[in-house]
Amino acid sequence: MISRYSLYTTSDIRDRFVLASGLPKGIKPRYNISPTLQVPVIVSRGDGVVAEQMGWGLTPKGVKDTNSVFRYKTYNVPSEKIFTKHSWATAVEHNRCLVPANGFYQLVGKGDERQAYYIQQKDTPLFAFAGIYSSWDDAGVTRSTFSIITSDVPDSLRHIGDRMPVILSQSDETRWLDTSIIDTSSLFGMLRPISSEQILVTEVGIDIYSPKIDSPKLIAPL
């Protein structure tokens, strides 16, 4: 499961994604975003492309126990299985989003052999993961949650794990938000794994897996 990513160039989000309005209150730079946190995602609304705060962990509409950490929430959705579950298929047809990020982390190995990696996109400091979301009204309170879509890791990067988030090309970002596109071939075409030539992998410390630590030192090379 992809369970950590960073988003620290928050001041660049509005221009990078051509938002119709400013950012919601409460958004701040983070180097250690973990599941259940409220973070900005980009969605298409009637008034244009906007940023909204959502909780990381897709929760189906109508679930009563929205605070349950593991029972209902889906943090990652495998791209190859996205049409196998009703809530995922509905979301990918009608509720697609962009998840802004500067990079993400992978932890491999066990015990003293653990190694953490920080992965960025070369020449593109702020990019977007492909995401899906669920949003509904619950007794006057809007519940909004999202999940990050994952794909296989290229063979040349198997040392960092077997799954990674789908990083959309900039040319596909607008198309991903366009819910008039619903044919499976077009959607799957946008969910292809990024090539290893497009990303930069850096060995970093395993402090990233402490939710109490959130500072620039997490992305410092070893």
N, C-alpha and C. Protein backbone atom coordinates (compact mmCIF):
# COMPACT_ATOMS: atom_id res chain seq x y z
N MET A 1 0.83 -1.19 0.00
CA MET A 1 0.00 0.00 0.00
C MET A 1 0.87 1.25 0.00
N ILE A 2 0.52 2.23 -0.80
CA ILE A 2 1.20 3.52 -0.77
C ILE A 2 0.59 4.31 0.38
N SER A 3 1.39 4.60 1.40
CA SER A 3 0.83 5.19 2.61
C SER A 3 1.50 6.48 3.05
N ARG A 4 2.41 7.00 2.26
CA ARG A 4 3.06 8.27 2.61
C ARG A 4 3.39 9.05 1.34
N TYR A 5 3.09 10.35 1.35
CA TYR A 5 3.56 11.21 0.27
C TYR A 5 3.76 12.62 0.81
N SER A 6 4.32 13.48 -0.01
CA SER A 6 4.61 14.85 0.41
C SER A 6 3.91 15.85 -0.50
N LEU A 7 3.58 17.01 0.07
CA LEU A 7 3.05 18.14 -0.70
C LEU A 7 3.46 19.40 0.05
N TYR A 8 4.57 19.98 -0.36
CA TYR A 8 5.09 21.13 0.37
C TYR A 8 5.13 22.42 -0.44
N THR A 9 5.00 22.35 -1.76
CA THR A 9 4.94 23.58 -2.57
C THR A 9 3.48 23.98 -2.76
N THR A 10 2.78 24.15 -1.65
CA THR A 10 1.35 24.44 -1.71
C THR A 10 1.04 25.77 -2.37
N SER A 11 1.97 26.73 -2.31
CA SER A 11 1.73 28.03 -2.93
C SER A 11 1.69 27.96 -4.45
N ASP A 12 2.15 26.85 -5.01
CA ASP A 12 2.17 26.70 -6.47
C ASP A 12 0.94 25.98 -7.01
N ILE A 13 0.09 25.45 -6.14
CA ILE A 13 -1.03 24.62 -6.58
C ILE A 13 -1.98 25.39 -7.49
N ARG A 14 -2.35 26.61 -7.11
CA ARG A 14 -3.34 27.36 -7.88
C ARG A 14 -2.90 27.58 -9.32
N ASP A 15 -1.66 28.02 -9.51
CA ASP A 15 -1.19 28.28 -10.88
C ASP A 15 -0.92 26.98 -11.63
N ARG A 16 -0.36 26.00 -10.94
CA ARG A 16 -0.02 24.73 -11.63
C ARG A 16 -1.25 24.04 -12.18
N PHE A 17 -2.36 24.07 -11.45
CA PHE A 17 -3.56 23.36 -11.90
C PHE A 17 -4.66 24.31 -12.41
N VAL A 18 -4.30 25.57 -12.57
CA VAL A 18 -5.20 26.59 -13.15
C VAL A 18 -6.55 26.56 -12.44
N LEU A 19 -6.52 26.78 -11.14
CA LEU A 19 -7.74 26.71 -10.35
C LEU A 19 -8.61 27.94 -10.58
N ALA A 20 -9.91 27.73 -10.47
CA ALA A 20 -10.87 28.82 -10.66
C ALA A 20 -10.89 29.75 -9.45
N SER A 21 -10.44 29.28 -8.31
CA SER A 21 -10.41 30.09 -7.09
C SER A 21 -9.21 29.68 -6.26
N GLY A 22 -9.03 30.33 -5.12
CA GLY A 22 -7.89 30.03 -4.26
C GLY A 22 -8.03 28.71 -3.53
N LEU A 23 -7.06 28.44 -2.67
CA LEU A 23 -7.06 27.19 -1.91
C LEU A 23 -7.95 27.30 -0.68
N PRO A 24 -8.53 26.20 -0.25
CA PRO A 24 -9.31 26.21 0.99
C PRO A 24 -8.43 26.55 2.19
N LYS A 25 -9.04 27.03 3.23
CA LYS A 25 -8.30 27.34 4.46
C LYS A 25 -7.75 26.05 5.08
N GLY A 26 -6.63 26.19 5.72
CA GLY A 26 -6.07 25.05 6.45
C GLY A 26 -5.03 24.26 5.71
N ILE A 27 -4.82 24.57 4.42
CA ILE A 27 -3.80 23.83 3.67
C ILE A 27 -2.42 24.37 4.04
N LYS A 28 -1.52 23.47 4.38
CA LYS A 28 -0.17 23.87 4.73
C LYS A 28 0.82 22.87 4.15
N PRO A 29 2.07 23.27 3.99
CA PRO A 29 3.08 22.33 3.47
C PRO A 29 3.23 21.12 4.38
N ARG A 30 3.30 19.94 3.79
CA ARG A 30 3.48 18.70 4.55
C ARG A 30 4.52 17.82 3.86
N TYR A 31 5.36 17.21 4.68
CA TYR A 31 6.36 16.27 4.18
C TYR A 31 6.00 14.84 4.53
N ASN A 32 4.95 14.66 5.32
CA ASN A 32 4.56 13.33 5.77
C ASN A 32 3.04 13.22 5.80
N ILE A 33 2.45 13.04 4.64
CA ILE A 33 1.00 12.86 4.55
C ILE A 33 0.70 11.37 4.65
N SER A 34 -0.15 11.02 5.59
CA SER A 34 -0.50 9.63 5.83
C SER A 34 -2.01 9.45 5.75
N PRO A 35 -2.50 8.22 5.63
CA PRO A 35 -3.93 7.96 5.53
C PRO A 35 -4.72 8.59 6.67
N THR A 36 -5.93 8.99 6.34
CA THR A 36 -6.95 9.63 7.19
C THR A 36 -6.78 11.15 7.29
N LEU A 37 -5.61 11.70 6.90
CA LEU A 37 -5.44 13.15 6.98
C LEU A 37 -6.31 13.84 5.94
N GLN A 38 -6.70 15.08 6.24
CA GLN A 38 -7.41 15.93 5.29
C GLN A 38 -6.38 16.67 4.45
N VAL A 39 -6.47 16.50 3.14
CA VAL A 39 -5.50 17.10 2.23
C VAL A 39 -6.22 17.62 0.98
N PRO A 40 -5.57 18.51 0.21
CA PRO A 40 -6.21 19.06 -0.98
C PRO A 40 -6.21 18.09 -2.16
N VAL A 41 -7.33 18.00 -2.82
CA VAL A 41 -7.43 17.29 -4.10
C VAL A 41 -8.08 18.24 -5.10
N ILE A 42 -7.86 17.97 -6.38
CA ILE A 42 -8.38 18.82 -7.45
C ILE A 42 -9.55 18.12 -8.12
N VAL A 43 -10.69 18.82 -8.21
CA VAL A 43 -11.89 18.25 -8.83
C VAL A 43 -12.48 19.26 -9.80
N SER A 44 -13.31 18.77 -10.69
CA SER A 44 -14.01 19.63 -11.64
C SER A 44 -15.43 19.86 -11.15
N ARG A 45 -15.79 21.12 -10.98
CA ARG A 45 -17.14 21.50 -10.57
C ARG A 45 -17.75 22.37 -11.67
N GLY A 46 -18.99 22.77 -11.47
CA GLY A 46 -19.66 23.58 -12.47
C GLY A 46 -18.98 24.90 -12.74
N ASP A 47 -18.29 25.44 -11.72
CA ASP A 47 -17.62 26.72 -11.88
C ASP A 47 -16.15 26.58 -12.26
N GLY A 48 -15.72 25.39 -12.61
CA GLY A 48 -14.35 25.18 -13.07
C GLY A 48 -13.61 24.17 -12.21
N VAL A 49 -12.30 24.18 -12.34
CA VAL A 49 -11.44 23.27 -11.58
C VAL A 49 -11.11 23.92 -10.24
N VAL A 50 -11.36 23.20 -9.15
CA VAL A 50 -11.16 23.76 -7.82
C VAL A 50 -10.43 22.76 -6.93
N ALA A 51 -9.86 23.28 -5.85
CA ALA A 51 -9.22 22.44 -4.84
C ALA A 51 -10.17 22.30 -3.65
N GLU A 52 -10.29 21.08 -3.15
CA GLU A 52 -11.13 20.83 -1.98
C GLU A 52 -10.36 19.95 -1.00
N GLN A 53 -10.63 20.11 0.27
CA GLN A 53 -10.04 19.27 1.30
C GLN A 53 -10.85 17.97 1.41
N MET A 54 -10.14 16.84 1.37
CA MET A 54 -10.79 15.54 1.53
C MET A 54 -9.93 14.65 2.41
N GLY A 55 -10.56 13.66 3.03
CA GLY A 55 -9.84 12.70 3.85
C GLY A 55 -9.29 11.57 3.01
N TRP A 56 -8.03 11.21 3.25
CA TRP A 56 -7.41 10.12 2.49
C TRP A 56 -7.92 8.79 3.03
N GLY A 57 -8.74 8.14 2.23
CA GLY A 57 -9.35 6.87 2.58
C GLY A 57 -10.77 6.84 2.06
N LEU A 58 -10.95 6.37 0.84
CA LEU A 58 -12.26 6.37 0.20
C LEU A 58 -13.27 5.60 1.05
N THR A 59 -14.36 6.26 1.39
CA THR A 59 -15.41 5.67 2.20
C THR A 59 -16.71 5.68 1.41
N PRO A 60 -17.36 4.55 1.21
CA PRO A 60 -18.59 4.51 0.42
C PRO A 60 -19.69 5.36 1.04
N LYS A 61 -20.55 5.87 0.20
CA LYS A 61 -21.69 6.67 0.65
C LYS A 61 -22.58 5.87 1.59
N GLY A 62 -22.98 6.52 2.67
CA GLY A 62 -23.91 5.89 3.60
C GLY A 62 -23.30 5.11 4.73
N VAL A 63 -21.98 4.94 4.72
CA VAL A 63 -21.34 4.22 5.82
C VAL A 63 -21.52 5.00 7.12
N LYS A 64 -21.97 4.33 8.15
CA LYS A 64 -22.25 5.00 9.41
C LYS A 64 -20.97 5.30 10.20
N ASP A 65 -20.07 4.32 10.23
CA ASP A 65 -18.86 4.47 11.03
C ASP A 65 -17.76 5.11 10.19
N THR A 66 -17.89 6.43 9.93
CA THR A 66 -16.92 7.11 9.07
C THR A 66 -15.57 7.30 9.76
N ASN A 67 -15.49 7.04 11.06
CA ASN A 67 -14.23 7.18 11.77
C ASN A 67 -13.43 5.89 11.80
N SER A 68 -14.01 4.80 11.30
CA SER A 68 -13.29 3.54 11.29
C SER A 68 -12.07 3.65 10.38
N VAL A 69 -10.89 3.30 10.90
CA VAL A 69 -9.67 3.48 10.13
C VAL A 69 -9.51 2.39 9.07
N PHE A 70 -9.81 1.15 9.41
CA PHE A 70 -9.50 0.06 8.49
C PHE A 70 -10.73 -0.64 7.89
N ARG A 71 -11.86 -0.61 8.57
CA ARG A 71 -12.96 -1.47 8.14
C ARG A 71 -13.54 -1.06 6.78
N TYR A 72 -13.69 0.23 6.55
CA TYR A 72 -14.36 0.68 5.34
C TYR A 72 -13.43 1.42 4.36
N LYS A 73 -12.43 2.08 4.87
CA LYS A 73 -11.65 2.98 4.04
C LYS A 73 -10.76 2.25 3.06
N THR A 74 -10.64 2.83 1.86
CA THR A 74 -9.75 2.31 0.83
C THR A 74 -8.75 3.40 0.50
N TYR A 75 -7.47 3.17 0.78
CA TYR A 75 -6.44 4.18 0.55
C TYR A 75 -5.86 4.10 -0.85
N ASN A 76 -5.75 2.88 -1.38
CA ASN A 76 -5.23 2.66 -2.73
C ASN A 76 -6.20 1.77 -3.50
N VAL A 77 -6.33 2.03 -4.79
CA VAL A 77 -7.15 1.20 -5.67
C VAL A 77 -6.27 0.71 -6.81
N PRO A 78 -6.10 -0.61 -7.00
CA PRO A 78 -5.29 -1.12 -8.11
C PRO A 78 -5.95 -0.77 -9.44
N SER A 79 -5.20 -0.20 -10.35
CA SER A 79 -5.77 0.23 -11.63
C SER A 79 -6.40 -0.93 -12.39
N GLU A 80 -5.79 -2.11 -12.30
CA GLU A 80 -6.29 -3.26 -13.05
C GLU A 80 -7.56 -3.85 -12.46
N LYS A 81 -7.94 -3.43 -11.25
CA LYS A 81 -9.14 -3.96 -10.61
C LYS A 81 -10.21 -2.90 -10.39
N ILE A 82 -10.03 -1.73 -11.00
CA ILE A 82 -10.88 -0.60 -10.65
C ILE A 82 -12.34 -0.79 -11.05
N PHE A 83 -12.60 -1.66 -12.01
CA PHE A 83 -13.98 -1.89 -12.42
C PHE A 83 -14.57 -3.16 -11.79
N THR A 84 -13.86 -3.76 -10.83
CA THR A 84 -14.35 -5.00 -10.24
C THR A 84 -15.19 -4.79 -9.00
N LYS A 85 -15.24 -3.58 -8.48
CA LYS A 85 -16.01 -3.28 -7.29
C LYS A 85 -16.92 -2.11 -7.59
N HIS A 86 -18.19 -2.21 -7.21
CA HIS A 86 -19.18 -1.21 -7.60
C HIS A 86 -18.80 0.20 -7.18
N SER A 87 -18.36 0.38 -5.94
CA SER A 87 -18.04 1.73 -5.47
C SER A 87 -16.85 2.32 -6.22
N TRP A 88 -15.88 1.49 -6.58
CA TRP A 88 -14.74 1.98 -7.36
C TRP A 88 -15.17 2.31 -8.78
N ALA A 89 -15.93 1.41 -9.41
CA ALA A 89 -16.35 1.64 -10.79
C ALA A 89 -17.21 2.89 -10.91
N THR A 90 -18.10 3.10 -9.95
CA THR A 90 -18.94 4.30 -9.97
C THR A 90 -18.08 5.56 -9.84
N ALA A 91 -17.11 5.51 -8.94
CA ALA A 91 -16.25 6.67 -8.73
C ALA A 91 -15.39 6.97 -9.95
N VAL A 92 -14.83 5.95 -10.60
CA VAL A 92 -13.96 6.21 -11.74
C VAL A 92 -14.75 6.72 -12.94
N GLU A 93 -16.04 6.44 -12.98
CA GLU A 93 -16.88 6.96 -14.06
C GLU A 93 -17.36 8.38 -13.78
N HIS A 94 -17.61 8.70 -12.50
CA HIS A 94 -18.26 9.97 -12.19
C HIS A 94 -17.47 10.88 -11.25
N ASN A 95 -16.57 10.33 -10.45
CA ASN A 95 -15.88 11.12 -9.43
C ASN A 95 -14.38 10.91 -9.49
N ARG A 96 -13.75 11.51 -10.48
CA ARG A 96 -12.30 11.41 -10.61
C ARG A 96 -11.65 12.70 -10.10
N CYS A 97 -10.47 12.57 -9.54
CA CYS A 97 -9.78 13.73 -9.00
C CYS A 97 -8.28 13.62 -9.25
N LEU A 98 -7.61 14.74 -9.09
CA LEU A 98 -6.16 14.81 -9.11
C LEU A 98 -5.68 14.99 -7.68
N VAL A 99 -4.63 14.28 -7.31
CA VAL A 99 -4.06 14.40 -5.97
C VAL A 99 -2.69 15.05 -6.11
N PRO A 100 -2.56 16.34 -5.83
CA PRO A 100 -1.26 17.03 -5.99
C PRO A 100 -0.21 16.45 -5.05
N ALA A 101 1.01 16.37 -5.54
CA ALA A 101 2.11 15.82 -4.73
C ALA A 101 3.43 16.33 -5.25
N ASN A 102 4.41 16.36 -4.36
CA ASN A 102 5.80 16.63 -4.75
C ASN A 102 6.60 15.34 -4.82
N GLY A 103 6.13 14.30 -4.15
CA GLY A 103 6.82 13.02 -4.16
C GLY A 103 6.11 12.04 -3.25
N PHE A 104 6.56 10.78 -3.28
CA PHE A 104 5.99 9.77 -2.39
C PHE A 104 7.09 8.87 -1.87
N TYR A 105 6.76 8.10 -0.85
CA TYR A 105 7.74 7.26 -0.17
C TYR A 105 7.40 5.78 -0.33
N GLN A 106 8.44 4.98 -0.34
CA GLN A 106 8.30 3.52 -0.32
C GLN A 106 9.24 2.97 0.75
N LEU A 107 8.76 1.99 1.50
CA LEU A 107 9.58 1.31 2.50
C LEU A 107 9.63 -0.17 2.15
N VAL A 108 10.82 -0.70 1.99
CA VAL A 108 10.98 -2.11 1.66
C VAL A 108 11.88 -2.79 2.69
N GLY A 109 11.75 -4.10 2.78
CA GLY A 109 12.56 -4.85 3.72
C GLY A 109 11.92 -4.95 5.09
N LYS A 110 12.58 -5.65 5.99
CA LYS A 110 12.08 -5.86 7.34
C LYS A 110 13.20 -5.64 8.37
N GLY A 111 12.78 -5.26 9.58
CA GLY A 111 13.73 -5.12 10.67
C GLY A 111 14.87 -4.18 10.34
N ASP A 112 16.10 -4.64 10.64
CA ASP A 112 17.28 -3.82 10.39
C ASP A 112 17.60 -3.67 8.91
N GLU A 113 16.92 -4.44 8.07
CA GLU A 113 17.17 -4.39 6.63
C GLU A 113 16.22 -3.43 5.91
N ARG A 114 15.44 -2.69 6.66
CA ARG A 114 14.49 -1.78 6.02
C ARG A 114 15.21 -0.63 5.32
N GLN A 115 14.65 -0.25 4.17
CA GLN A 115 15.17 0.89 3.43
C GLN A 115 14.00 1.72 2.91
N ALA A 116 14.07 3.02 3.11
CA ALA A 116 13.03 3.92 2.61
C ALA A 116 13.54 4.66 1.39
N TYR A 117 12.62 4.92 0.46
CA TYR A 117 12.94 5.65 -0.76
C TYR A 117 11.96 6.81 -0.92
N TYR A 118 12.48 7.91 -1.46
CA TYR A 118 11.64 9.05 -1.82
C TYR A 118 11.66 9.17 -3.33
N ILE A 119 10.49 9.19 -3.94
CA ILE A 119 10.38 9.16 -5.40
C ILE A 119 9.75 10.46 -5.88
N GLN A 120 10.41 11.12 -6.82
CA GLN A 120 9.93 12.36 -7.43
C GLN A 120 9.87 12.21 -8.95
N GLN A 121 9.16 13.12 -9.59
CA GLN A 121 9.16 13.15 -11.05
C GLN A 121 10.23 14.15 -11.49
N LYS A 122 11.09 13.71 -12.39
CA LYS A 122 12.16 14.57 -12.89
C LYS A 122 11.57 15.79 -13.59
N ASP A 123 12.14 16.95 -13.33
CA ASP A 123 11.79 18.20 -14.03
C ASP A 123 10.35 18.65 -13.80
N THR A 124 9.62 17.99 -12.91
CA THR A 124 8.23 18.39 -12.61
C THR A 124 8.06 18.31 -11.10
N PRO A 125 8.41 19.38 -10.38
CA PRO A 125 8.39 19.32 -8.92
C PRO A 125 7.00 19.13 -8.32
N LEU A 126 5.96 19.57 -9.04
CA LEU A 126 4.59 19.40 -8.54
C LEU A 126 3.79 18.67 -9.61
N PHE A 127 3.29 17.48 -9.28
CA PHE A 127 2.57 16.66 -10.25
C PHE A 127 1.28 16.17 -9.62
N ALA A 128 0.61 15.20 -10.26
CA ALA A 128 -0.67 14.72 -9.73
C ALA A 128 -0.79 13.22 -9.86
N PHE A 129 -1.23 12.58 -8.77
CA PHE A 129 -1.64 11.18 -8.82
C PHE A 129 -3.07 11.12 -9.36
N ALA A 130 -3.40 10.03 -10.04
CA ALA A 130 -4.78 9.78 -10.42
C ALA A 130 -5.55 9.32 -9.19
N GLY A 131 -6.71 9.93 -8.95
CA GLY A 131 -7.49 9.56 -7.79
C GLY A 131 -8.97 9.47 -8.09
N ILE A 132 -9.70 8.85 -7.18
CA ILE A 132 -11.17 8.83 -7.24
C ILE A 132 -11.68 9.27 -5.87
N TYR A 133 -12.90 9.79 -5.84
CA TYR A 133 -13.41 10.29 -4.56
C TYR A 133 -14.88 9.95 -4.38
N SER A 134 -15.32 10.10 -3.14
CA SER A 134 -16.72 9.91 -2.78
C SER A 134 -17.12 11.11 -1.94
N SER A 135 -18.28 11.70 -2.24
CA SER A 135 -18.72 12.88 -1.50
C SER A 135 -20.23 12.85 -1.37
N TRP A 136 -20.73 13.02 -0.16
CA TRP A 136 -22.17 13.02 0.05
C TRP A 136 -22.52 13.82 1.30
N ASP A 137 -23.78 14.18 1.41
CA ASP A 137 -24.27 14.95 2.55
C ASP A 137 -24.76 14.00 3.63
N ASP A 138 -24.28 14.21 4.85
CA ASP A 138 -24.66 13.38 5.99
C ASP A 138 -25.18 14.30 7.08
N ALA A 139 -26.51 14.44 7.13
CA ALA A 139 -27.16 15.29 8.15
C ALA A 139 -26.59 16.70 8.15
N GLY A 140 -26.43 17.25 6.94
CA GLY A 140 -25.96 18.61 6.81
C GLY A 140 -24.45 18.76 6.78
N VAL A 141 -23.72 17.66 6.94
CA VAL A 141 -22.26 17.67 6.90
C VAL A 141 -21.80 16.95 5.64
N THR A 142 -20.94 17.60 4.85
CA THR A 142 -20.42 16.98 3.64
C THR A 142 -19.26 16.05 3.98
N ARG A 143 -19.39 14.79 3.59
CA ARG A 143 -18.34 13.80 3.80
C ARG A 143 -17.62 13.59 2.47
N SER A 144 -16.34 13.91 2.42
CA SER A 144 -15.57 13.77 1.19
C SER A 144 -14.29 13.01 1.46
N THR A 145 -14.09 11.92 0.74
CA THR A 145 -12.90 11.10 0.91
C THR A 145 -12.38 10.68 -0.46
N PHE A 146 -11.11 10.28 -0.52
CA PHE A 146 -10.52 9.92 -1.81
C PHE A 146 -9.58 8.74 -1.65
N SER A 147 -9.21 8.16 -2.79
CA SER A 147 -8.22 7.09 -2.83
C SER A 147 -7.28 7.34 -4.00
N ILE A 148 -6.06 6.87 -3.88
CA ILE A 148 -5.04 7.00 -4.92
C ILE A 148 -4.98 5.70 -5.72
N ILE A 149 -4.99 5.83 -7.04
CA ILE A 149 -4.92 4.66 -7.91
C ILE A 149 -3.45 4.26 -8.09
N THR A 150 -3.19 2.95 -8.03
CA THR A 150 -1.83 2.45 -8.15
C THR A 150 -1.67 1.55 -9.38
N SER A 151 -0.42 1.36 -9.77
CA SER A 151 -0.09 0.48 -10.89
C SER A 151 1.15 -0.33 -10.53
N ASP A 152 1.52 -1.27 -11.39
CA ASP A 152 2.75 -2.02 -11.20
C ASP A 152 3.95 -1.09 -11.32
N VAL A 153 5.01 -1.43 -10.63
CA VAL A 153 6.27 -0.71 -10.75
C VAL A 153 7.03 -1.24 -11.96
N PRO A 154 7.66 -0.36 -12.76
CA PRO A 154 8.48 -0.85 -13.88
C PRO A 154 9.54 -1.84 -13.41
N ASP A 155 9.87 -2.79 -14.25
CA ASP A 155 10.82 -3.84 -13.87
C ASP A 155 12.14 -3.28 -13.35
N SER A 156 12.59 -2.18 -13.92
CA SER A 156 13.88 -1.62 -13.52
C SER A 156 13.84 -0.96 -12.14
N LEU A 157 12.64 -0.86 -11.54
CA LEU A 157 12.50 -0.22 -10.23
C LEU A 157 11.93 -1.18 -9.18
N ARG A 158 12.04 -2.46 -9.42
CA ARG A 158 11.47 -3.43 -8.49
C ARG A 158 12.08 -3.37 -7.10
N HIS A 159 13.26 -2.76 -6.98
CA HIS A 159 13.88 -2.67 -5.66
C HIS A 159 13.13 -1.73 -4.73
N ILE A 160 12.22 -0.89 -5.26
CA ILE A 160 11.47 0.03 -4.40
C ILE A 160 10.09 -0.53 -4.04
N GLY A 161 9.76 -1.73 -4.50
CA GLY A 161 8.46 -2.32 -4.21
C GLY A 161 7.78 -2.78 -5.48
N ASP A 162 6.54 -3.26 -5.35
CA ASP A 162 5.85 -3.79 -6.52
C ASP A 162 4.67 -2.92 -6.97
N ARG A 163 4.32 -1.88 -6.18
CA ARG A 163 3.23 -0.98 -6.55
C ARG A 163 3.68 0.47 -6.38
N MET A 164 3.11 1.35 -7.18
CA MET A 164 3.38 2.77 -7.03
C MET A 164 2.15 3.55 -7.50
N PRO A 165 1.99 4.80 -7.07
CA PRO A 165 0.84 5.59 -7.52
C PRO A 165 0.92 5.85 -9.01
N VAL A 166 -0.23 5.96 -9.64
CA VAL A 166 -0.28 6.38 -11.04
C VAL A 166 -0.04 7.88 -11.09
N ILE A 167 1.06 8.28 -11.71
CA ILE A 167 1.37 9.70 -11.92
C ILE A 167 0.89 10.07 -13.32
N LEU A 168 -0.10 10.94 -13.39
CA LEU A 168 -0.67 11.33 -14.67
C LEU A 168 0.27 12.27 -15.42
N SER A 169 0.32 12.13 -16.72
CA SER A 169 1.02 13.12 -17.53
C SER A 169 0.20 14.41 -17.50
N GLN A 170 0.85 15.56 -17.68
CA GLN A 170 0.11 16.81 -17.66
C GLN A 170 -0.95 16.86 -18.75
N SER A 171 -0.67 16.23 -19.87
CA SER A 171 -1.64 16.22 -20.96
C SER A 171 -2.88 15.40 -20.62
N ASP A 172 -2.76 14.47 -19.66
CA ASP A 172 -3.90 13.64 -19.28
C ASP A 172 -4.67 14.20 -18.08
N GLU A 173 -4.14 15.18 -17.40
CA GLU A 173 -4.80 15.69 -16.20
C GLU A 173 -6.19 16.25 -16.50
N THR A 174 -6.29 17.07 -17.53
CA THR A 174 -7.59 17.64 -17.90
C THR A 174 -8.55 16.55 -18.34
N ARG A 175 -8.06 15.58 -19.08
CA ARG A 175 -8.90 14.48 -19.55
C ARG A 175 -9.38 13.63 -18.38
N TRP A 176 -8.53 13.43 -17.38
CA TRP A 176 -8.92 12.62 -16.22
C TRP A 176 -10.08 13.28 -15.47
N LEU A 177 -10.10 14.60 -15.43
CA LEU A 177 -11.19 15.31 -14.75
C LEU A 177 -12.45 15.41 -15.60
N ASP A 178 -12.35 15.11 -16.87
CA ASP A 178 -13.48 15.21 -17.78
C ASP A 178 -14.34 13.94 -17.69
N THR A 179 -15.42 14.01 -16.94
CA THR A 179 -16.24 12.82 -16.72
C THR A 179 -17.13 12.47 -17.90
N SER A 180 -17.03 13.22 -19.00
CA SER A 180 -17.71 12.78 -20.22
C SER A 180 -16.94 11.63 -20.86
N ILE A 181 -15.70 11.44 -20.45
CA ILE A 181 -14.89 10.30 -20.91
C ILE A 181 -15.17 9.13 -19.98
N ILE A 182 -15.86 8.13 -20.47
CA ILE A 182 -16.24 7.00 -19.63
C ILE A 182 -15.86 5.64 -20.22
N ASP A 183 -15.36 5.60 -21.46
CA ASP A 183 -15.03 4.30 -22.04
C ASP A 183 -13.77 3.76 -21.37
N THR A 184 -13.79 2.47 -21.10
CA THR A 184 -12.72 1.86 -20.32
C THR A 184 -11.36 1.94 -20.99
N SER A 185 -11.31 1.86 -22.31
CA SER A 185 -10.01 1.90 -22.98
C SER A 185 -9.33 3.26 -22.79
N SER A 186 -10.12 4.33 -22.85
CA SER A 186 -9.54 5.67 -22.63
C SER A 186 -9.07 5.83 -21.20
N LEU A 187 -9.87 5.33 -20.24
CA LEU A 187 -9.50 5.45 -18.84
C LEU A 187 -8.26 4.63 -18.52
N PHE A 188 -8.23 3.38 -18.98
CA PHE A 188 -7.05 2.56 -18.74
C PHE A 188 -5.81 3.14 -19.40
N GLY A 189 -6.01 3.79 -20.56
CA GLY A 189 -4.89 4.40 -21.25
C GLY A 189 -4.21 5.48 -20.45
N MET A 190 -4.98 6.16 -19.59
CA MET A 190 -4.40 7.21 -18.74
C MET A 190 -3.76 6.65 -17.49
N LEU A 191 -4.01 5.39 -17.17
CA LEU A 191 -3.52 4.79 -15.94
C LEU A 191 -2.27 3.94 -16.15
N ARG A 192 -1.56 4.21 -17.22
CA ARG A 192 -0.33 3.43 -17.49
C ARG A 192 0.77 3.85 -16.51
N PRO A 193 1.64 2.92 -16.15
CA PRO A 193 2.74 3.26 -15.24
C PRO A 193 3.69 4.27 -15.86
N ILE A 194 4.24 5.14 -15.04
CA ILE A 194 5.23 6.09 -15.52
C ILE A 194 6.53 5.34 -15.80
N SER A 195 7.30 5.80 -16.76
CA SER A 195 8.55 5.11 -17.08
C SER A 195 9.62 5.46 -16.05
N SER A 196 10.55 4.55 -15.87
CA SER A 196 11.62 4.77 -14.89
C SER A 196 12.50 5.95 -15.27
N GLU A 197 12.57 6.29 -16.56
CA GLU A 197 13.38 7.42 -17.00
C GLU A 197 12.82 8.76 -16.55
N GLN A 198 11.55 8.77 -16.13
CA GLN A 198 10.90 10.02 -15.76
C GLN A 198 10.93 10.31 -14.26
N ILE A 199 11.47 9.39 -13.49
CA ILE A 199 11.43 9.60 -12.04
C ILE A 199 12.82 9.53 -11.43
N LEU A 200 12.93 10.15 -10.25
CA LEU A 200 14.17 10.19 -9.49
C LEU A 200 13.94 9.49 -8.16
N VAL A 201 14.77 8.51 -7.84
CA VAL A 201 14.64 7.73 -6.61
C VAL A 201 15.81 8.07 -5.69
N THR A 202 15.48 8.44 -4.46
CA THR A 202 16.49 8.82 -3.47
C THR A 202 16.33 7.98 -2.21
N GLU A 203 17.43 7.44 -1.71
CA GLU A 203 17.39 6.74 -0.43
C GLU A 203 17.29 7.75 0.70
N VAL A 204 16.30 7.55 1.59
CA VAL A 204 16.09 8.45 2.72
C VAL A 204 15.95 7.62 4.00
N GLY A 205 15.88 8.32 5.13
CA GLY A 205 15.77 7.63 6.40
C GLY A 205 14.37 7.08 6.64
N ILE A 206 14.25 6.11 7.54
CA ILE A 206 12.96 5.47 7.79
C ILE A 206 12.11 6.26 8.78
N ASP A 207 12.55 7.46 9.18
CA ASP A 207 11.73 8.29 10.06
C ASP A 207 10.40 8.65 9.43
N ILE A 208 10.32 8.53 8.13
CA ILE A 208 9.08 8.88 7.43
C ILE A 208 7.91 8.07 7.97
N TYR A 209 8.15 6.90 8.50
CA TYR A 209 7.04 6.07 8.97
C TYR A 209 6.68 6.33 10.43
N SER A 210 7.16 7.45 10.96
CA SER A 210 6.68 7.96 12.24
C SER A 210 5.73 9.12 11.96
N PRO A 211 4.44 8.98 12.24
CA PRO A 211 3.49 10.04 11.93
C PRO A 211 3.73 11.32 12.70
N LYS A 212 4.58 11.28 13.73
CA LYS A 212 4.86 12.46 14.53
C LYS A 212 5.89 13.37 13.88
N ILE A 213 6.58 12.86 12.86
CA ILE A 213 7.66 13.64 12.23
C ILE A 213 7.16 14.18 10.89
N ASP A 214 7.27 15.48 10.71
CA ASP A 214 6.85 16.12 9.46
C ASP A 214 7.75 17.33 9.23
N SER A 215 8.86 17.11 8.56
CA SER A 215 9.82 18.18 8.34
C SER A 215 10.63 17.90 7.08
N PRO A 216 11.31 18.92 6.53
CA PRO A 216 12.10 18.73 5.31
C PRO A 216 13.19 17.67 5.43
N LYS A 217 13.61 17.33 6.65
CA LYS A 217 14.68 16.34 6.79
C LYS A 217 14.26 14.97 6.28
N LEU A 218 12.94 14.74 6.16
CA LEU A 218 12.46 13.44 5.70
C LEU A 218 12.85 13.16 4.26
N ILE A 219 13.03 14.21 3.46
CA ILE A 219 13.38 13.98 2.04
C ILE A 219 14.87 14.16 1.79
N ALA A 220 15.65 14.36 2.86
CA ALA A 220 17.10 14.54 2.71
C ALA A 220 17.74 13.20 2.36
N PRO A 221 18.62 13.18 1.34
CA PRO A 221 19.28 11.92 0.99
C PRO A 221 20.15 11.41 2.13
N LEU A 222 20.28 10.08 2.23
CA LEU A 222 21.16 9.50 3.24
C LEU A 222 22.63 9.76 2.89
